[in-house]
């Protein structure tokens, strides 16, 4: 659980980079989606 709290703290440090709240929330959602993705990398021919 401390890992999630630390990650939220790190993501919160990025808030000043965004001028609006909505893009920041999308950024947080994107990062969480990448980190929690359980699919293996796909190989294409």
Protein backbone atom coordinates (compact mmCIF):
# COMPACT_ATOMS: atom_id res chain seq x y z
CA UNK A 1 0.00 0.00 0.00
CA UNK A 2 2.89 2.36 0.65
CA UNK A 3 3.97 1.90 -2.97
CA UNK A 4 0.62 3.26 -4.20
CA UNK A 5 0.82 6.19 -1.79
CA UNK A 6 4.37 6.99 -2.93
CA UNK A 7 3.34 6.82 -6.57
CA UNK A 8 0.41 9.16 -5.93
CA UNK A 9 2.82 11.55 -4.21
CA UNK A 10 5.19 11.46 -7.18
CA UNK A 11 2.33 12.02 -9.64
CA UNK A 12 1.08 14.89 -7.48
CA UNK A 13 4.45 16.58 -7.92
CA UNK A 14 3.69 16.83 -11.64
CA UNK A 15 0.56 18.96 -11.03
CA UNK A 16 2.32 22.33 -11.60
CA UNK A 17 3.37 21.16 -15.08
CA UNK A 18 -0.27 21.21 -16.24
CA UNK A 19 -2.17 24.48 -16.54
CA UNK A 20 -5.57 22.80 -16.13
CA UNK A 21 -6.95 20.05 -13.94
CA UNK A 22 -8.44 17.85 -16.68
CA UNK A 23 -5.17 17.16 -18.58
CA UNK A 24 -3.47 16.35 -15.28
CA UNK A 25 -6.17 13.82 -14.41
CA UNK A 26 -5.82 12.22 -17.84
CA UNK A 27 -2.06 12.04 -17.29
CA UNK A 28 -2.55 10.27 -13.94
CA UNK A 29 -5.03 7.86 -15.52
CA UNK A 30 -2.61 7.10 -18.35
CA UNK A 31 0.30 6.43 -15.98
CA UNK A 32 -1.81 4.12 -13.81
CA UNK A 33 -3.04 2.30 -16.93
CA UNK A 34 0.50 1.72 -18.14
CA UNK A 35 1.70 0.52 -14.75
CA UNK A 36 -1.24 -1.82 -14.15
CA UNK A 37 -1.30 -3.29 -17.65
CA UNK A 38 -0.98 -7.07 -17.37
CA UNK A 39 -0.88 -7.96 -21.05
CA UNK A 40 2.41 -9.23 -22.46
CA UNK A 41 4.01 -7.30 -25.26
CA UNK A 42 2.54 -8.27 -28.63
CA UNK A 43 4.68 -9.45 -31.51
CA UNK A 44 3.67 -8.55 -35.03
CA UNK A 45 4.93 -10.09 -38.23
